[in-house]
Amino acid sequence: MVLGANDGAISVASLVVGIAASGAARPSILLSGLAATVAGAASMAAGEFVSVQSQVDTEEADLARERQELVANPSGELEELTGIYVERGLSRDLARLVAEQLTLHDALGAHARDELGITDALRARPIQASFASAGSFCLGALCPVLMILLSPAGQIAQATTVVALIVLAALGALAAHAGGAPIWRAAARMLVWGALALGLTALVGRLFGAVV
């Protein structure tokens, strides 16, 4: 979610700053910002859906292969499951007992979880992922779009730049906090790359002096 919001903020803000720097009027800037938001959200949703759906296809293929192996070689699969539990620290006898009990209860579920790393909580969900990506992108893009509406005429680029950098730094800090990484380093990194993206698009807008 943080990464999607970060993408929405930096991409739409960069576009807004570039178009505003070209001297375009507020309605044109607003239209461009809204179009970029819709296009970006749709692109994020489609890309995430395709990516996660590919993961689903891989998981389904792995599960289908595991079903066949359980039918064709049940003793071998039991031994494989036993070996997994031995590697995790159980004694051989206890690992064998656990493997036998789990196989009797749900053999495919045991192999999916402990051999393939597939669980219900971590299963790939393409529709959920696509909506989350699109929604987080729109959330990040809300900042530059609001700046178009609220900034004084002639200061859209400057206001969007300042607010976008603050938002990017906050998002970087939030992502670092969630992952247990240094907050200030992440915030500074986002400031540097965000400033670079905004500066380049502003330069393009000023050089061409037209809506790009």
C-alpha atoms as a PDB file:
ATOM      1  CA  MET A   1       0.000   0.000   0.000  1.00  0.00           C
ATOM      2  CA  VAL A   2       2.819   2.407   0.885  1.00  0.00           C
ATOM      3  CA  LEU A   3       4.659   1.625  -2.339  1.00  0.00           C
ATOM      4  CA  GLY A   4       1.516   2.194  -4.392  1.00  0.00           C
ATOM      5  CA  ALA A   5       0.834   5.518  -2.692  1.00  0.00           C
ATOM      6  CA  ASN A   6       4.448   6.504  -3.232  1.00  0.00           C
ATOM      7  CA  ASP A   7       4.163   5.708  -6.939  1.00  0.00           C
ATOM      8  CA  GLY A   8       0.966   7.714  -7.259  1.00  0.00           C
ATOM      9  CA  ALA A   9       2.392  10.720  -5.452  1.00  0.00           C
ATOM     10  CA  ILE A  10       5.664  10.938  -7.335  1.00  0.00           C
ATOM     11  CA  SER A  11       4.383  10.140 -10.826  1.00  0.00           C
ATOM     12  CA  VAL A  12       1.309  12.398 -10.781  1.00  0.00           C
ATOM     13  CA  ALA A  13       3.124  15.191  -8.926  1.00  0.00           C
ATOM     14  CA  SER A  14       5.949  15.092 -11.474  1.00  0.00           C
ATOM     15  CA  LEU A  15       3.488  15.335 -14.333  1.00  0.00           C
ATOM     16  CA  VAL A  16       1.616  18.205 -12.661  1.00  0.00           C
ATOM     17  CA  VAL A  17       4.824  20.113 -11.982  1.00  0.00           C
ATOM     18  CA  GLY A  18       6.050  19.648 -15.546  1.00  0.00           C
ATOM     19  CA  ILE A  19       2.790  20.829 -17.090  1.00  0.00           C
ATOM     20  CA  ALA A  20       2.442  23.715 -14.641  1.00  0.00           C
ATOM     21  CA  ALA A  21       6.009  24.808 -15.404  1.00  0.00           C
ATOM     22  CA  SER A  22       5.131  24.949 -19.083  1.00  0.00           C
ATOM     23  CA  GLY A  23       2.659  27.760 -18.346  1.00  0.00           C
ATOM     24  CA  ALA A  24      -0.513  25.753 -18.862  1.00  0.00           C
ATOM     25  CA  ALA A  25      -3.752  27.009 -17.337  1.00  0.00           C
ATOM     26  CA  ARG A  26      -5.283  25.448 -14.216  1.00  0.00           C
ATOM     27  CA  PRO A  27      -8.046  23.525 -16.099  1.00  0.00           C
ATOM     28  CA  SER A  28      -5.469  21.929 -18.394  1.00  0.00           C
ATOM     29  CA  ILE A  29      -3.266  20.988 -15.451  1.00  0.00           C
ATOM     30  CA  LEU A  30      -6.230  19.528 -13.583  1.00  0.00           C
ATOM     31  CA  LEU A  31      -7.349  17.508 -16.592  1.00  0.00           C
ATOM     32  CA  SER A  32      -3.820  16.153 -17.031  1.00  0.00           C
ATOM     33  CA  GLY A  33      -3.545  15.281 -13.357  1.00  0.00           C
ATOM     34  CA  LEU A  34      -6.865  13.452 -13.335  1.00  0.00           C
ATOM     35  CA  ALA A  35      -5.994  11.609 -16.540  1.00  0.00           C
ATOM     36  CA  ALA A  36      -2.642  10.588 -15.069  1.00  0.00           C
ATOM     37  CA  THR A  37      -4.373   9.366 -11.915  1.00  0.00           C
ATOM     38  CA  VAL A  38      -6.859   7.229 -13.821  1.00  0.00           C
ATOM     39  CA  ALA A  39      -4.245   5.889 -16.209  1.00  0.00           C
ATOM     40  CA  GLY A  40      -1.783   5.155 -13.423  1.00  0.00           C
ATOM     41  CA  ALA A  41      -4.355   3.424 -11.238  1.00  0.00           C
ATOM     42  CA  ALA A  42      -5.570   1.311 -14.155  1.00  0.00           C
ATOM     43  CA  SER A  43      -2.004   0.417 -15.082  1.00  0.00           C
ATOM     44  CA  MET A  44      -1.169  -0.532 -11.491  1.00  0.00           C
ATOM     45  CA  ALA A  45      -4.305  -2.649 -11.195  1.00  0.00           C
ATOM     46  CA  ALA A  46      -3.728  -4.450 -14.486  1.00  0.00           C
ATOM     47  CA  GLY A  47      -0.052  -5.049 -13.831  1.00  0.00           C
ATOM     48  CA  GLU A  48      -0.681  -6.323 -10.310  1.00  0.00           C
ATOM     49  CA  PHE A  49      -3.498  -8.590 -11.474  1.00  0.00           C
ATOM     50  CA  VAL A  50      -1.371 -10.175 -14.204  1.00  0.00           C
ATOM     51  CA  SER A  51       1.592 -10.602 -11.862  1.00  0.00           C
ATOM     52  CA  VAL A  52      -0.389 -12.135  -8.996  1.00  0.00           C
ATOM     53  CA  GLN A  53      -2.461 -14.276 -11.353  1.00  0.00           C
ATOM     54  CA  SER A  54       0.794 -15.747 -12.664  1.00  0.00           C
ATOM     55  CA  GLN A  55       1.662 -16.600  -9.067  1.00  0.00           C
ATOM     56  CA  VAL A  56      -1.753 -18.254  -8.677  1.00  0.00           C
ATOM     57  CA  ASP A  57      -1.124 -20.331 -11.820  1.00  0.00           C
ATOM     58  CA  THR A  58       2.240 -21.431 -10.420  1.00  0.00           C
ATOM     59  CA  GLU A  59       0.701 -22.379  -7.083  1.00  0.00           C
ATOM     60  CA  GLU A  60      -2.068 -24.360  -8.778  1.00  0.00           C
ATOM     61  CA  ALA A  61       0.491 -26.198 -10.921  1.00  0.00           C
ATOM     62  CA  ASP A  62       2.549 -27.029  -7.823  1.00  0.00           C
ATOM     63  CA  LEU A  63      -0.522 -28.331  -5.998  1.00  0.00           C
ATOM     64  CA  ALA A  64      -1.591 -30.427  -8.993  1.00  0.00           C
ATOM     65  CA  ARG A  65       1.870 -31.981  -9.180  1.00  0.00           C
ATOM     66  CA  GLU A  66       1.814 -32.661  -5.447  1.00  0.00           C
ATOM     67  CA  ARG A  67      -1.563 -34.422  -5.755  1.00  0.00           C
ATOM     68  CA  GLN A  68      -0.136 -36.712  -8.420  1.00  0.00           C
ATOM     69  CA  GLU A  69       2.931 -37.483  -6.322  1.00  0.00           C
ATOM     70  CA  LEU A  70       0.793 -38.322  -3.288  1.00  0.00           C
ATOM     71  CA  VAL A  71      -1.140 -40.855  -5.367  1.00  0.00           C
ATOM     72  CA  ALA A  72       1.856 -42.285  -7.212  1.00  0.00           C
ATOM     73  CA  ASN A  73       4.329 -42.452  -4.325  1.00  0.00           C
ATOM     74  CA  PRO A  74       2.685 -41.993  -0.901  1.00  0.00           C
ATOM     75  CA  SER A  75       5.561 -43.581   1.024  1.00  0.00           C
ATOM     76  CA  GLY A  76       8.089 -41.348  -0.667  1.00  0.00           C
ATOM     77  CA  GLU A  77       6.018 -38.270   0.095  1.00  0.00           C
ATOM     78  CA  LEU A  78       5.705 -39.344   3.730  1.00  0.00           C
ATOM     79  CA  GLU A  79       9.462 -39.709   3.935  1.00  0.00           C
ATOM     80  CA  GLU A  80       9.897 -36.302   2.342  1.00  0.00           C
ATOM     81  CA  LEU A  81       7.614 -34.711   4.899  1.00  0.00           C
ATOM     82  CA  THR A  82       9.478 -36.487   7.688  1.00  0.00           C
ATOM     83  CA  GLY A  83      12.769 -35.108   6.395  1.00  0.00           C
ATOM     84  CA  ILE A  84      11.356 -31.573   6.446  1.00  0.00           C
ATOM     85  CA  TYR A  85      10.458 -31.870  10.129  1.00  0.00           C
ATOM     86  CA  VAL A  86      13.831 -33.391  10.970  1.00  0.00           C
ATOM     87  CA  GLU A  87      15.531 -30.394   9.349  1.00  0.00           C
ATOM     88  CA  ARG A  88      13.408 -28.122  11.539  1.00  0.00           C
ATOM     89  CA  GLY A  89      14.715 -29.732  14.708  1.00  0.00           C
ATOM     90  CA  LEU A  90      12.456 -32.695  15.539  1.00  0.00           C
ATOM     91  CA  SER A  91      13.872 -36.098  16.329  1.00  0.00           C
ATOM     92  CA  ARG A  92      13.497 -38.701  13.606  1.00  0.00           C
ATOM     93  CA  ASP A  93      10.832 -40.673  15.479  1.00  0.00           C
ATOM     94  CA  LEU A  94       8.811 -37.583  16.412  1.00  0.00           C
ATOM     95  CA  ALA A  95       9.119 -36.179  12.891  1.00  0.00           C
ATOM     96  CA  ARG A  96       7.818 -39.468  11.479  1.00  0.00           C
ATOM     97  CA  LEU A  97       4.892 -39.468  13.902  1.00  0.00           C
ATOM     98  CA  VAL A  98       3.994 -35.864  13.079  1.00  0.00           C
ATOM     99  CA  ALA A  99       4.236 -36.564   9.347  1.00  0.00           C
ATOM    100  CA  GLU A 100       1.984 -39.605   9.659  1.00  0.00           C
ATOM    101  CA  GLN A 101      -0.637 -37.726  11.691  1.00  0.00           C
ATOM    102  CA  LEU A 102      -0.691 -34.747   9.332  1.00  0.00           C
ATOM    103  CA  THR A 103      -0.862 -37.035   6.311  1.00  0.00           C
ATOM    104  CA  LEU A 104      -3.880 -38.809   7.750  1.00  0.00           C
ATOM    105  CA  HIS A 105      -5.556 -35.485   8.499  1.00  0.00           C
ATOM    106  CA  ASP A 106      -4.755 -33.606   5.265  1.00  0.00           C
ATOM    107  CA  ALA A 107      -1.821 -34.861   3.233  1.00  0.00           C
ATOM    108  CA  LEU A 108      -2.051 -32.223   0.496  1.00  0.00           C
ATOM    109  CA  GLY A 109      -2.448 -29.417   3.020  1.00  0.00           C
ATOM    110  CA  ALA A 110       0.616 -30.572   4.942  1.00  0.00           C
ATOM    111  CA  HIS A 111       2.782 -30.702   1.825  1.00  0.00           C
ATOM    112  CA  ALA A 112       1.398 -27.413   0.526  1.00  0.00           C
ATOM    113  CA  ARG A 113       2.217 -25.663   3.798  1.00  0.00           C
ATOM    114  CA  ASP A 114       5.518 -27.285   4.785  1.00  0.00           C
ATOM    115  CA  GLU A 115       7.028 -28.241   1.433  1.00  0.00           C
ATOM    116  CA  LEU A 116       5.696 -25.595  -0.940  1.00  0.00           C
ATOM    117  CA  GLY A 117       5.102 -22.741   1.517  1.00  0.00           C
ATOM    118  CA  ILE A 118       1.493 -22.272   0.378  1.00  0.00           C
ATOM    119  CA  THR A 119      -1.032 -21.364   3.092  1.00  0.00           C
ATOM    120  CA  ASP A 120      -4.520 -19.896   3.031  1.00  0.00           C
ATOM    121  CA  ALA A 121      -3.278 -16.695   4.666  1.00  0.00           C
ATOM    122  CA  LEU A 122      -0.521 -16.220   2.095  1.00  0.00           C
ATOM    123  CA  ARG A 123      -2.314 -17.446  -1.024  1.00  0.00           C
ATOM    124  CA  ALA A 124      -2.082 -15.064  -3.960  1.00  0.00           C
ATOM    125  CA  ARG A 125      -5.304 -13.085  -4.501  1.00  0.00           C
ATOM    126  CA  PRO A 126      -5.110 -11.196  -7.813  1.00  0.00           C
ATOM    127  CA  ILE A 127      -8.367  -9.220  -7.531  1.00  0.00           C
ATOM    128  CA  GLN A 128      -7.600  -8.077  -3.996  1.00  0.00           C
ATOM    129  CA  ALA A 129      -4.067  -7.142  -5.019  1.00  0.00           C
ATOM    130  CA  SER A 130      -5.227  -5.183  -8.063  1.00  0.00           C
ATOM    131  CA  PHE A 131      -7.770  -3.162  -6.068  1.00  0.00           C
ATOM    132  CA  ALA A 132      -5.200  -2.480  -3.348  1.00  0.00           C
ATOM    133  CA  SER A 133      -2.666  -1.231  -5.899  1.00  0.00           C
ATOM    134  CA  ALA A 134      -5.158   0.984  -7.697  1.00  0.00           C
ATOM    135  CA  GLY A 135      -6.541   2.376  -4.448  1.00  0.00           C
ATOM    136  CA  SER A 136      -3.139   3.146  -2.972  1.00  0.00           C
ATOM    137  CA  PHE A 137      -2.041   4.812  -6.221  1.00  0.00           C
ATOM    138  CA  CYS A 138      -5.116   7.061  -6.141  1.00  0.00           C
ATOM    139  CA  LEU A 139      -4.450   7.877  -2.501  1.00  0.00           C
ATOM    140  CA  GLY A 140      -0.944   9.055  -3.340  1.00  0.00           C
ATOM    141  CA  ALA A 141      -2.152  10.967  -6.403  1.00  0.00           C
ATOM    142  CA  LEU A 142      -4.710  12.810  -4.285  1.00  0.00           C
ATOM    143  CA  CYS A 143      -1.977  15.129  -2.993  1.00  0.00           C
ATOM    144  CA  PRO A 144      -0.965  16.713  -6.330  1.00  0.00           C
ATOM    145  CA  VAL A 145      -4.571  16.820  -7.547  1.00  0.00           C
ATOM    146  CA  LEU A 146      -5.607  18.754  -4.435  1.00  0.00           C
ATOM    147  CA  MET A 147      -2.692  21.134  -4.929  1.00  0.00           C
ATOM    148  CA  ILE A 148      -3.991  21.962  -8.396  1.00  0.00           C
ATOM    149  CA  LEU A 149      -7.313  22.998  -6.878  1.00  0.00           C
ATOM    150  CA  LEU A 150      -6.022  24.746  -3.769  1.00  0.00           C
ATOM    151  CA  SER A 151      -2.833  26.467  -4.906  1.00  0.00           C
ATOM    152  CA  PRO A 152      -2.872  30.125  -5.970  1.00  0.00           C
ATOM    153  CA  ALA A 153      -2.731  30.719  -9.711  1.00  0.00           C
ATOM    154  CA  GLY A 154       0.851  30.748 -10.930  1.00  0.00           C
ATOM    155  CA  GLN A 155       2.142  28.797  -7.901  1.00  0.00           C
ATOM    156  CA  ILE A 156       0.817  25.328  -8.651  1.00  0.00           C
ATOM    157  CA  ALA A 157       4.241  23.939  -9.517  1.00  0.00           C
ATOM    158  CA  GLN A 158       5.881  25.311  -6.385  1.00  0.00           C
ATOM    159  CA  ALA A 159       3.080  24.236  -4.021  1.00  0.00           C
ATOM    160  CA  THR A 160       2.853  20.777  -5.559  1.00  0.00           C
ATOM    161  CA  THR A 161       6.604  20.319  -5.287  1.00  0.00           C
ATOM    162  CA  VAL A 162       6.739  21.238  -1.604  1.00  0.00           C
ATOM    163  CA  VAL A 163       3.731  19.156  -0.573  1.00  0.00           C
ATOM    164  CA  ALA A 164       4.759  16.200  -2.730  1.00  0.00           C
ATOM    165  CA  LEU A 165       8.218  16.111  -1.154  1.00  0.00           C
ATOM    166  CA  ILE A 166       6.686  16.196   2.322  1.00  0.00           C
ATOM    167  CA  VAL A 167       4.327  13.354   1.422  1.00  0.00           C
ATOM    168  CA  LEU A 168       7.124  11.309  -0.166  1.00  0.00           C
ATOM    169  CA  ALA A 169       9.328  11.751   2.904  1.00  0.00           C
ATOM    170  CA  ALA A 170       6.452  10.696   5.139  1.00  0.00           C
ATOM    171  CA  LEU A 171       5.761   7.634   2.997  1.00  0.00           C
ATOM    172  CA  GLY A 172       9.428   6.687   3.027  1.00  0.00           C
ATOM    173  CA  ALA A 173       9.524   7.027   6.801  1.00  0.00           C
ATOM    174  CA  LEU A 174       6.334   4.977   7.140  1.00  0.00           C
ATOM    175  CA  ALA A 175       7.701   2.175   4.974  1.00  0.00           C
ATOM    176  CA  ALA A 176      10.943   2.157   6.947  1.00  0.00           C
ATOM    177  CA  HIS A 177       9.077   2.087  10.252  1.00  0.00           C
ATOM    178  CA  ALA A 178       6.951  -0.844   9.067  1.00  0.00           C
ATOM    179  CA  GLY A 179      10.068  -2.771   8.057  1.00  0.00           C
ATOM    180  CA  GLY A 180      12.177  -1.793  11.058  1.00  0.00           C
ATOM    181  CA  ALA A 181      14.683   0.148   8.934  1.00  0.00           C
ATOM    182  CA  PRO A 182      16.233   3.562   9.748  1.00  0.00           C
ATOM    183  CA  ILE A 183      13.496   6.163   9.269  1.00  0.00           C
ATOM    184  CA  TRP A 184      15.600   9.226   8.479  1.00  0.00           C
ATOM    185  CA  ARG A 185      17.645   7.438   5.839  1.00  0.00           C
ATOM    186  CA  ALA A 186      14.507   6.254   4.037  1.00  0.00           C
ATOM    187  CA  ALA A 187      12.924   9.709   4.222  1.00  0.00           C
ATOM    188  CA  ALA A 188      16.077  11.342   2.859  1.00  0.00           C
ATOM    189  CA  ARG A 189      16.271   8.827   0.026  1.00  0.00           C
ATOM    190  CA  MET A 190      12.702   9.586  -0.991  1.00  0.00           C
ATOM    191  CA  LEU A 191      13.387  13.321  -0.842  1.00  0.00           C
ATOM    192  CA  VAL A 192      16.394  13.017  -3.132  1.00  0.00           C
ATOM    193  CA  TRP A 193      14.729  10.849  -5.763  1.00  0.00           C
ATOM    194  CA  GLY A 194      11.451  12.742  -5.540  1.00  0.00           C
ATOM    195  CA  ALA A 195      13.233  16.072  -5.997  1.00  0.00           C
ATOM    196  CA  LEU A 196      15.116  14.660  -8.975  1.00  0.00           C
ATOM    197  CA  ALA A 197      11.915  13.459 -10.680  1.00  0.00           C
ATOM    198  CA  LEU A 198      10.081  16.710 -10.003  1.00  0.00           C
ATOM    199  CA  GLY A 199      13.030  18.798 -11.123  1.00  0.00           C
ATOM    200  CA  LEU A 200      13.446  16.945 -14.402  1.00  0.00           C
ATOM    201  CA  THR A 201       9.800  17.252 -15.372  1.00  0.00           C
ATOM    202  CA  ALA A 202       9.794  20.945 -14.410  1.00  0.00           C
ATOM    203  CA  LEU A 203      12.837  21.436 -16.635  1.00  0.00           C
ATOM    204  CA  VAL A 204      11.096  19.736 -19.553  1.00  0.00           C
ATOM    205  CA  GLY A 205       8.035  21.938 -19.077  1.00  0.00           C
ATOM    206  CA  ARG A 206      10.090  25.128 -19.033  1.00  0.00           C
ATOM    207  CA  LEU A 207      12.221  24.151 -22.012  1.00  0.00           C
ATOM    208  CA  PHE A 208       9.310  23.330 -24.281  1.00  0.00           C
ATOM    209  CA  GLY A 209       6.964  25.985 -22.916  1.00  0.00           C
ATOM    210  CA  ALA A 210       3.901  23.998 -23.897  1.00  0.00           C
ATOM    211  CA  VAL A 211       1.758  21.262 -22.434  1.00  0.00           C
ATOM    212  CA  VAL A 212       3.655  17.983 -22.709  1.00  0.00           C
END
